[in-house]
C-alpha atoms as a PDB file:
ATOM      1  CA  MET A   1       1.180 -40.268  -1.451  1.00  0.00           C
ATOM      2  CA  LYS A   2       4.481 -39.596  -2.071  1.00  0.00           C
ATOM      3  CA  LEU A   3       7.788 -38.337   0.488  1.00  0.00           C
ATOM      4  CA  THR A   4      10.511 -36.091   0.000  1.00  0.00           C
ATOM      5  CA  ARG A   5      13.442 -34.629   2.044  1.00  0.00           C
ATOM      6  CA  ASN A   6      14.568 -31.302   1.138  1.00  0.00           C
ATOM      7  CA  LYS A   7      18.378 -31.561   1.522  1.00  0.00           C
ATOM      8  CA  SER A   8      18.865 -27.419   1.214  1.00  0.00           C
ATOM      9  CA  ASN A   9      20.868 -26.108   4.251  1.00  0.00           C
ATOM     10  CA  LYS A  10      18.781 -23.296   4.293  1.00  0.00           C
ATOM     11  CA  ARG A  11      15.496 -24.762   4.877  1.00  0.00           C
ATOM     12  CA  LYS A  12      15.311 -28.009   5.444  1.00  0.00           C
ATOM     13  CA  PHE A  13      11.096 -29.835   5.271  1.00  0.00           C
ATOM     14  CA  PHE A  14       9.754 -32.977   4.404  1.00  0.00           C
ATOM     15  CA  GLN A  15       7.150 -32.610   1.481  1.00  0.00           C
ATOM     16  CA  ILE A  16       4.442 -34.528   1.276  1.00  0.00           C
ATOM     17  CA  ILE A  17       1.970 -35.174  -1.213  1.00  0.00           C
ATOM     18  CA  ARG A  18      -1.290 -36.548  -0.839  1.00  0.00           C
ATOM     19  CA  ASN A  19      -4.561 -35.853  -3.851  1.00  0.00           C
ATOM     20  CA  ASN A  20      -3.199 -32.714  -5.099  1.00  0.00           C
ATOM     21  CA  VAL A  21      -2.460 -31.343  -1.714  1.00  0.00           C
ATOM     22  CA  THR A  22       1.323 -30.620  -1.246  1.00  0.00           C
ATOM     23  CA  GLN A  23       2.608 -29.979   3.106  1.00  0.00           C
ATOM     24  CA  GLU A  24       5.460 -29.202   3.369  1.00  0.00           C
ATOM     25  CA  VAL A  25       6.143 -29.974   6.785  1.00  0.00           C
ATOM     26  CA  ILE A  26       9.318 -27.320   8.140  1.00  0.00           C
ATOM     27  CA  MET A  27      11.482 -28.541  10.349  1.00  0.00           C
ATOM     28  CA  GLU A  28      12.119 -25.651  12.724  1.00  0.00           C
ATOM     29  CA  ASN A  29       8.672 -23.637  11.910  1.00  0.00           C
ATOM     30  CA  LYS A  30       5.320 -24.657  10.769  1.00  0.00           C
ATOM     31  CA  SER A  31       4.063 -26.225   8.283  1.00  0.00           C
ATOM     32  CA  ASP A  32       3.467 -24.678   4.575  1.00  0.00           C
ATOM     33  CA  MET A  33      -0.230 -26.157   2.722  1.00  0.00           C
ATOM     34  CA  LYS A  34      -0.202 -26.371  -0.788  1.00  0.00           C
ATOM     35  CA  ILE A  35      -3.118 -27.255  -3.412  1.00  0.00           C
ATOM     36  CA  SER A  36      -2.670 -27.647  -7.065  1.00  0.00           C
ATOM     37  CA  GLY A  37      -6.061 -29.103  -9.348  1.00  0.00           C
ATOM     38  CA  SER A  38      -7.801 -29.791  -7.064  1.00  0.00           C
ATOM     39  CA  GLY A  39      -8.349 -30.488  -2.656  1.00  0.00           C
ATOM     40  CA  SER A  40      -8.764 -29.257   0.664  1.00  0.00           C
ATOM     41  CA  ILE A  41      -7.026 -28.134   4.050  1.00  0.00           C
ATOM     42  CA  SER A  42      -8.794 -29.302   7.328  1.00  0.00           C
ATOM     43  CA  SER A  43      -8.335 -26.437  10.405  1.00  0.00           C
ATOM     44  CA  GLY A  44      -5.215 -25.313  12.259  1.00  0.00           C
ATOM     45  CA  VAL A  45      -2.022 -23.113  12.206  1.00  0.00           C
ATOM     46  CA  TYR A  46       0.526 -23.311   8.650  1.00  0.00           C
ATOM     47  CA  ASN A  47       3.066 -21.296   7.866  1.00  0.00           C
ATOM     48  CA  ASP A  48       1.748 -20.287   4.258  1.00  0.00           C
ATOM     49  CA  ILE A  49      -1.323 -21.481   1.879  1.00  0.00           C
ATOM     50  CA  LYS A  50      -1.818 -21.350  -1.436  1.00  0.00           C
ATOM     51  CA  ILE A  51      -4.357 -22.204  -3.207  1.00  0.00           C
ATOM     52  CA  SER A  52      -4.487 -22.741  -7.451  1.00  0.00           C
ATOM     53  CA  GLY A  53      -7.169 -24.196  -9.166  1.00  0.00           C
ATOM     54  CA  SER A  54     -10.429 -25.455  -6.915  1.00  0.00           C
ATOM     55  CA  GLY A  55      -9.582 -25.339  -2.947  1.00  0.00           C
ATOM     56  CA  SER A  56     -11.388 -25.584  -0.085  1.00  0.00           C
ATOM     57  CA  ILE A  57     -10.287 -24.538   3.696  1.00  0.00           C
ATOM     58  CA  LEU A  58     -12.728 -26.660   6.121  1.00  0.00           C
ATOM     59  CA  GLY A  59     -12.084 -24.949   8.901  1.00  0.00           C
ATOM     60  CA  ASP A  60     -10.549 -22.474  10.939  1.00  0.00           C
ATOM     61  CA  VAL A  61      -6.814 -21.162  10.412  1.00  0.00           C
ATOM     62  CA  ASP A  62      -3.836 -19.010  11.147  1.00  0.00           C
ATOM     63  CA  CYS A  63      -1.150 -18.485   8.876  1.00  0.00           C
ATOM     64  CA  ASN A  64       1.655 -15.980   7.887  1.00  0.00           C
ATOM     65  CA  ASP A  65       0.055 -15.748   4.659  1.00  0.00           C
ATOM     66  CA  ILE A  66      -3.041 -17.027   2.051  1.00  0.00           C
ATOM     67  CA  LYS A  67      -2.585 -16.603  -2.098  1.00  0.00           C
ATOM     68  CA  ILE A  68      -5.731 -18.015  -3.506  1.00  0.00           C
ATOM     69  CA  SER A  69      -5.894 -17.843  -7.569  1.00  0.00           C
ATOM     70  CA  GLY A  70      -8.814 -20.113  -9.480  1.00  0.00           C
ATOM     71  CA  SER A  71     -11.107 -20.836  -6.939  1.00  0.00           C
ATOM     72  CA  ALA A  72     -11.472 -21.077  -3.309  1.00  0.00           C
ATOM     73  CA  SER A  73     -14.057 -22.127  -0.867  1.00  0.00           C
ATOM     74  CA  CYS A  74     -13.051 -20.515   3.190  1.00  0.00           C
ATOM     75  CA  LYS A  75     -15.338 -22.449   5.508  1.00  0.00           C
ATOM     76  CA  GLY A  76     -13.834 -21.037   8.542  1.00  0.00           C
ATOM     77  CA  GLU A  77     -12.201 -17.747  10.563  1.00  0.00           C
ATOM     78  CA  ILE A  78      -9.124 -16.468   9.027  1.00  0.00           C
ATOM     79  CA  LYS A  79      -6.221 -15.663  10.377  1.00  0.00           C
ATOM     80  CA  ALA A  80      -3.356 -14.208   8.398  1.00  0.00           C
ATOM     81  CA  ASN A  81      -0.579 -11.505   7.783  1.00  0.00           C
ATOM     82  CA  ASN A  82      -1.428 -11.065   4.557  1.00  0.00           C
ATOM     83  CA  LEU A  83      -4.066 -12.217   1.965  1.00  0.00           C
ATOM     84  CA  LYS A  84      -3.907 -12.144  -1.925  1.00  0.00           C
ATOM     85  CA  VAL A  85      -7.093 -13.265  -3.390  1.00  0.00           C
ATOM     86  CA  SER A  86      -7.449 -14.042  -7.271  1.00  0.00           C
ATOM     87  CA  GLY A  87      -9.957 -15.187  -9.242  1.00  0.00           C
ATOM     88  CA  SER A  88     -13.271 -15.820  -7.506  1.00  0.00           C
ATOM     89  CA  SER A  89     -13.284 -16.939  -3.939  1.00  0.00           C
ATOM     90  CA  SER A  90     -16.046 -17.537  -0.723  1.00  0.00           C
ATOM     91  CA  PHE A  91     -15.110 -16.055   2.707  1.00  0.00           C
ATOM     92  CA  TYR A  92     -18.085 -18.429   5.459  1.00  0.00           C
ATOM     93  CA  LYS A  93     -16.696 -16.395   8.891  1.00  0.00           C
ATOM     94  CA  ASP A  94     -14.577 -13.478   9.848  1.00  0.00           C
ATOM     95  CA  VAL A  95     -11.446 -11.957   7.612  1.00  0.00           C
ATOM     96  CA  GLU A  96      -8.413 -10.805  10.024  1.00  0.00           C
ATOM     97  CA  VAL A  97      -6.119  -9.574   8.136  1.00  0.00           C
ATOM     98  CA  LYS A  98      -2.972  -8.071   9.695  1.00  0.00           C
ATOM     99  CA  GLU A  99      -1.144  -6.099   6.545  1.00  0.00           C
ATOM    100  CA  PHE A 100      -1.316  -6.874   3.477  1.00  0.00           C
ATOM    101  CA  LEU A 101      -5.143  -7.572   1.912  1.00  0.00           C
ATOM    102  CA  LYS A 102      -5.572  -7.713  -1.987  1.00  0.00           C
ATOM    103  CA  ILE A 103      -8.475  -8.998  -3.733  1.00  0.00           C
ATOM    104  CA  SER A 104      -9.181  -8.636  -7.585  1.00  0.00           C
ATOM    105  CA  GLY A 105     -11.059 -10.617  -9.800  1.00  0.00           C
ATOM    106  CA  SER A 106     -14.849 -11.345  -7.457  1.00  0.00           C
ATOM    107  CA  ALA A 107     -15.254 -12.358  -3.758  1.00  0.00           C
ATOM    108  CA  LYS A 108     -18.265 -12.730  -1.383  1.00  0.00           C
ATOM    109  CA  PHE A 109     -17.183 -12.417   2.743  1.00  0.00           C
ATOM    110  CA  GLN A 110     -20.624 -13.887   4.602  1.00  0.00           C
ATOM    111  CA  GLY A 111     -18.680 -12.379   7.704  1.00  0.00           C
ATOM    112  CA  ASN A 112     -16.670  -9.232   8.784  1.00  0.00           C
ATOM    113  CA  LEU A 113     -13.766  -7.520   6.963  1.00  0.00           C
ATOM    114  CA  LYS A 114     -10.319  -6.725   8.950  1.00  0.00           C
ATOM    115  CA  GLY A 115      -7.080  -5.227   7.168  1.00  0.00           C
ATOM    116  CA  ASN A 116      -4.626  -3.174   7.914  1.00  0.00           C
ATOM    117  CA  ASP A 117      -3.723  -2.175   4.140  1.00  0.00           C
ATOM    118  CA  VAL A 118      -6.950  -3.268   2.287  1.00  0.00           C
ATOM    119  CA  VAL A 119      -6.944  -3.256  -1.768  1.00  0.00           C
ATOM    120  CA  ILE A 120     -10.419  -4.743  -3.687  1.00  0.00           C
ATOM    121  CA  SER A 121     -10.418  -4.342  -7.382  1.00  0.00           C
ATOM    122  CA  GLY A 122     -13.057  -6.326  -9.022  1.00  0.00           C
ATOM    123  CA  SER A 123     -16.373  -6.955  -7.753  1.00  0.00           C
ATOM    124  CA  SER A 124     -16.446  -7.889  -3.746  1.00  0.00           C
ATOM    125  CA  LYS A 125     -19.524  -8.534  -1.727  1.00  0.00           C
ATOM    126  CA  ILE A 126     -19.115  -7.962   1.965  1.00  0.00           C
ATOM    127  CA  ALA A 127     -22.505  -8.966   4.649  1.00  0.00           C
ATOM    128  CA  GLY A 128     -20.789  -8.000   7.751  1.00  0.00           C
ATOM    129  CA  ASN A 129     -18.527  -4.541   8.164  1.00  0.00           C
ATOM    130  CA  ILE A 130     -15.501  -3.964   6.724  1.00  0.00           C
ATOM    131  CA  ILE A 131     -12.325  -2.175   8.911  1.00  0.00           C
ATOM    132  CA  GLY A 132      -9.010  -1.197   7.536  1.00  0.00           C
ATOM    133  CA  GLU A 133      -6.365   1.768   8.088  1.00  0.00           C
ATOM    134  CA  SER A 134      -6.544   2.136   4.500  1.00  0.00           C
ATOM    135  CA  ILE A 135      -8.881   0.873   2.181  1.00  0.00           C
ATOM    136  CA  ARG A 136      -8.830   1.587  -1.633  1.00  0.00           C
ATOM    137  CA  VAL A 137     -12.061   0.057  -4.198  1.00  0.00           C
ATOM    138  CA  SER A 138     -12.069   0.216  -7.802  1.00  0.00           C
ATOM    139  CA  GLY A 139     -14.439  -1.678  -9.324  1.00  0.00           C
ATOM    140  CA  SER A 140     -17.859  -2.830  -7.400  1.00  0.00           C
ATOM    141  CA  VAL A 141     -18.395  -3.201  -4.144  1.00  0.00           C
ATOM    142  CA  SER A 142     -21.288  -4.042  -1.657  1.00  0.00           C
ATOM    143  CA  VAL A 143     -21.373  -4.015   2.795  1.00  0.00           C
ATOM    144  CA  GLU A 144     -24.375  -4.909   4.324  1.00  0.00           C
ATOM    145  CA  GLY A 145     -23.072  -2.959   7.769  1.00  0.00           C
ATOM    146  CA  ASN A 146     -20.717  -0.557   8.246  1.00  0.00           C
ATOM    147  CA  CYS A 147     -17.141   0.143   6.080  1.00  0.00           C
ATOM    148  CA  GLU A 148     -14.016   2.092   8.587  1.00  0.00           C
ATOM    149  CA  SER A 149     -11.222   3.004   7.626  1.00  0.00           C
ATOM    150  CA  THR A 150      -8.526   6.182   8.419  1.00  0.00           C
ATOM    151  CA  GLU A 151      -8.502   6.862   4.377  1.00  0.00           C
ATOM    152  CA  VAL A 152     -11.204   5.502   1.539  1.00  0.00           C
ATOM    153  CA  THR A 153     -10.829   5.974  -1.857  1.00  0.00           C
ATOM    154  CA  ILE A 154     -13.532   4.651  -3.949  1.00  0.00           C
ATOM    155  CA  SER A 155     -13.640   4.827  -7.865  1.00  0.00           C
ATOM    156  CA  GLY A 156     -16.737   3.041  -9.083  1.00  0.00           C
ATOM    157  CA  SER A 157     -20.039   1.638  -8.074  1.00  0.00           C
ATOM    158  CA  ALA A 158     -20.048   0.788  -4.419  1.00  0.00           C
ATOM    159  CA  ASN A 159     -23.169  -0.366  -2.200  1.00  0.00           C
ATOM    160  CA  ILE A 160     -23.210   0.298   2.112  1.00  0.00           C
ATOM    161  CA  LYS A 161     -25.897  -0.033   3.823  1.00  0.00           C
ATOM    162  CA  GLY A 162     -24.554   1.308   6.674  1.00  0.00           C
ATOM    163  CA  LEU A 163     -22.400   3.637   7.525  1.00  0.00           C
ATOM    164  CA  LEU A 164     -18.629   4.919   5.682  1.00  0.00           C
ATOM    165  CA  SER A 165     -16.539   6.823   8.154  1.00  0.00           C
ATOM    166  CA  GLY A 166     -12.692   7.981   7.733  1.00  0.00           C
ATOM    167  CA  ASP A 167     -10.534  11.091   8.611  1.00  0.00           C
ATOM    168  CA  LYS A 168      -9.962  11.084   4.323  1.00  0.00           C
ATOM    169  CA  ILE A 169     -12.744   9.865   2.037  1.00  0.00           C
ATOM    170  CA  TYR A 170     -12.600  10.703  -1.784  1.00  0.00           C
ATOM    171  CA  LEU A 171     -15.234   8.556  -3.877  1.00  0.00           C
ATOM    172  CA  ASN A 172     -14.320   9.541  -7.699  1.00  0.00           C
ATOM    173  CA  GLY A 173     -16.840   8.830 -10.292  1.00  0.00           C
ATOM    174  CA  PRO A 174     -19.244   6.467  -7.711  1.00  0.00           C
ATOM    175  CA  SER A 175     -22.506   5.256  -8.689  1.00  0.00           C
ATOM    176  CA  GLY A 176     -24.892   3.516  -6.182  1.00  0.00           C
ATOM    177  CA  TYR A 177     -26.262   3.870  -2.955  1.00  0.00           C
ATOM    178  CA  ILE A 178     -24.273   4.850   0.569  1.00  0.00           C
ATOM    179  CA  LYS A 179     -26.595   5.670   3.459  1.00  0.00           C
ATOM    180  CA  GLU A 180     -24.113   7.879   5.836  1.00  0.00           C
ATOM    181  CA  ILE A 181     -21.409   9.122   5.243  1.00  0.00           C
ATOM    182  CA  GLY A 182     -19.037  10.847   7.975  1.00  0.00           C
ATOM    183  CA  GLY A 183     -15.485  11.936   8.094  1.00  0.00           C
ATOM    184  CA  SER A 184     -13.306  14.959   8.676  1.00  0.00           C
ATOM    185  CA  GLU A 185     -12.947  15.415   4.775  1.00  0.00           C
ATOM    186  CA  ILE A 186     -15.273  14.072   2.260  1.00  0.00           C
ATOM    187  CA  THR A 187     -14.795  14.988  -1.498  1.00  0.00           C
ATOM    188  CA  ILE A 188     -16.893  13.180  -4.158  1.00  0.00           C
ATOM    189  CA  LYS A 189     -15.765  14.191  -7.241  1.00  0.00           C
ATOM    190  CA  ASP A 190     -17.783  13.039 -10.797  1.00  0.00           C
ATOM    191  CA  ARG A 191     -15.135  11.688 -12.952  1.00  0.00           C
ATOM    192  CA  ASN A 192     -17.661  11.850 -15.957  1.00  0.00           C
ATOM    193  CA  ASN A 193     -16.253  16.542 -15.616  1.00  0.00           C
ATOM    194  CA  VAL A 194     -14.319  16.214 -19.222  1.00  0.00           C
ATOM    195  CA  ILE A 195     -12.445  18.820 -21.602  1.00  0.00           C
ATOM    196  CA  LEU A 196     -13.273  18.647 -25.059  1.00  0.00           C
ATOM    197  CA  PHE A 197     -12.205  21.010 -27.294  1.00  0.00           C
ATOM    198  CA  GLY A 198     -11.447  23.782 -24.628  1.00  0.00           C
ATOM    199  CA  ILE A 199     -15.235  23.491 -22.917  1.00  0.00           C
ATOM    200  CA  ILE A 200     -15.902  21.662 -20.098  1.00  0.00           C
ATOM    201  CA  ARG A 201     -18.613  19.438 -20.892  1.00  0.00           C
ATOM    202  CA  PHE A 202     -20.782  17.381 -18.160  1.00  0.00           C
ATOM    203  CA  ASN A 203     -21.879  14.018 -18.902  1.00  0.00           C
ATOM    204  CA  SER A 204     -23.650  12.916 -15.944  1.00  0.00           C
ATOM    205  CA  GLY A 205     -23.731   9.093 -14.881  1.00  0.00           C
ATOM    206  CA  LYS A 206     -25.970   7.469 -12.374  1.00  0.00           C
ATOM    207  CA  GLY A 207     -24.374   9.387  -9.395  1.00  0.00           C
ATOM    208  CA  LEU A 208     -24.298   8.686  -5.557  1.00  0.00           C
ATOM    209  CA  ASN A 209     -27.649   8.228  -3.489  1.00  0.00           C
ATOM    210  CA  CYS A 210     -27.114   9.273   0.200  1.00  0.00           C
ATOM    211  CA  GLU A 211     -29.491   9.535   3.791  1.00  0.00           C
ATOM    212  CA  LEU A 212     -26.628  11.553   5.103  1.00  0.00           C
ATOM    213  CA  ILE A 213     -23.572  13.643   4.708  1.00  0.00           C
ATOM    214  CA  GLU A 214     -21.531  14.920   7.414  1.00  0.00           C
ATOM    215  CA  GLY A 215     -17.677  16.008   8.146  1.00  0.00           C
ATOM    216  CA  ASP A 216     -15.446  19.383   8.244  1.00  0.00           C
ATOM    217  CA  THR A 217     -14.762  20.598   4.905  1.00  0.00           C
ATOM    218  CA  ILE A 218     -17.609  18.773   2.126  1.00  0.00           C
ATOM    219  CA  GLU A 219     -16.873  18.902  -1.892  1.00  0.00           C
ATOM    220  CA  LEU A 220     -19.973  17.153  -3.705  1.00  0.00           C
ATOM    221  CA  GLU A 221     -20.753  16.701  -7.377  1.00  0.00           C
ATOM    222  CA  ASN A 222     -23.671  14.691  -8.963  1.00  0.00           C
ATOM    223  CA  VAL A 223     -25.078  13.753  -5.553  1.00  0.00           C
ATOM    224  CA  LYS A 224     -28.369  13.279  -4.192  1.00  0.00           C
ATOM    225  CA  CYS A 225     -28.737  13.479  -0.036  1.00  0.00           C
ATOM    226  CA  ASP A 226     -31.158  14.056   2.183  1.00  0.00           C
ATOM    227  CA  LEU A 227     -28.880  16.124   4.523  1.00  0.00           C
ATOM    228  CA  VAL A 228     -25.575  17.739   4.262  1.00  0.00           C
ATOM    229  CA  ARG A 229     -23.825  18.529   7.335  1.00  0.00           C
ATOM    230  CA  GLY A 230     -20.552  20.002   7.918  1.00  0.00           C
ATOM    231  CA  HIS A 231     -18.557  23.460   8.099  1.00  0.00           C
ATOM    232  CA  ASN A 232     -17.271  24.133   4.824  1.00  0.00           C
ATOM    233  CA  ILE A 233     -19.388  23.161   2.173  1.00  0.00           C
ATOM    234  CA  LYS A 234     -19.374  23.186  -1.881  1.00  0.00           C
ATOM    235  CA  ILE A 235     -21.832  21.575  -3.470  1.00  0.00           C
ATOM    236  CA  GLY A 236     -20.865  21.245  -7.346  1.00  0.00           C
ATOM    237  CA  GLU A 237     -22.082  20.322 -10.413  1.00  0.00           C
ATOM    238  CA  ASN A 238     -25.617  18.166 -10.693  1.00  0.00           C
ATOM    239  CA  CYS A 239     -26.810  17.743  -6.800  1.00  0.00           C
ATOM    240  CA  ARG A 240     -29.714  17.393  -5.171  1.00  0.00           C
ATOM    241  CA  ILE A 241     -29.621  18.470  -1.854  1.00  0.00           C
ATOM    242  CA  LYS A 242     -32.560  18.759   0.073  1.00  0.00           C
ATOM    243  CA  MET A 243     -31.247  20.647   3.395  1.00  0.00           C
ATOM    244  CA  VAL A 244     -28.031  21.584   4.148  1.00  0.00           C
ATOM    245  CA  GLU A 245     -26.511  22.256   7.280  1.00  0.00           C
ATOM    246  CA  TYR A 246     -23.451  24.607   8.068  1.00  0.00           C
ATOM    247  CA  THR A 247     -21.579  26.558   9.967  1.00  0.00           C
ATOM    248  CA  GLY A 248     -18.795  27.833   8.370  1.00  0.00           C
ATOM    249  CA  SER A 249     -18.792  28.738   4.322  1.00  0.00           C
ATOM    250  CA  ILE A 250     -21.155  27.157   1.674  1.00  0.00           C
ATOM    251  CA  GLU A 251     -20.967  27.662  -2.120  1.00  0.00           C
ATOM    252  CA  ILE A 252     -23.435  26.184  -3.955  1.00  0.00           C
ATOM    253  CA  ASP A 253     -22.782  25.507  -8.028  1.00  0.00           C
ATOM    254  CA  LYS A 254     -26.177  26.718 -10.240  1.00  0.00           C
ATOM    255  CA  LYS A 255     -26.574  23.700 -11.915  1.00  0.00           C
ATOM    256  CA  SER A 256     -27.439  21.699  -8.264  1.00  0.00           C
ATOM    257  CA  LYS A 257     -30.693  22.400  -6.571  1.00  0.00           C
ATOM    258  CA  VAL A 258     -30.835  22.537  -2.178  1.00  0.00           C
ATOM    259  CA  GLU A 259     -34.416  22.881  -1.077  1.00  0.00           C
ATOM    260  CA  GLU A 260     -33.526  24.266   2.104  1.00  0.00           C
ATOM    261  CA  PHE A 261     -30.379  25.736   3.728  1.00  0.00           C
END
């Protein structure tokens, strides 16, 4: 164990280094915890937590910021103002972030995930529900429960076994399965529509499969769905819809098929 004292007048703390875990015990505030290489952190209330290399959080923690790069295993509940994860990480209980949550790389959540501004890139799997004021996903996301937000933007592959809900929902070139989608404004675009030599070419991908899409204003492309219900509905290219229920207006592209409306 190595103990050093920081002599700065701005921030006084003791620094304890033990088995690649650095603990900065700030005299006026909470402790900072740092793992370089390999190590573990016990449950507790901390200021900042930084893990680089391979690290474990053994119990529940409540802190300001958490930054993880490399590989991390978090076995307790996580409460933080901000959480940034890059590399590969696993969270075995609920995660609650008050402000900014950014996941890049690969992350697995065995519980619920809650944040204010949620940004997910790469591959993420969530066994519970995900809730946020704003949710932006690029890459691949899998949710066993529901996804709830004021604004949702998804680009890439989505597999949501519950309800995707929000005031504004924008899906850009999605593929996969979402059981139900509900919101005020719902837009699902096929990014495989491209213009080549002045001609619109339709290069269909796998598209999105749903059981129910319900909203006030709905615009769809490359979607297969059992029931679409709303006020103003526009069915774009390459859609296969069993039934449409509308109270305002409806447009159906000639390249799509609606069995009943």
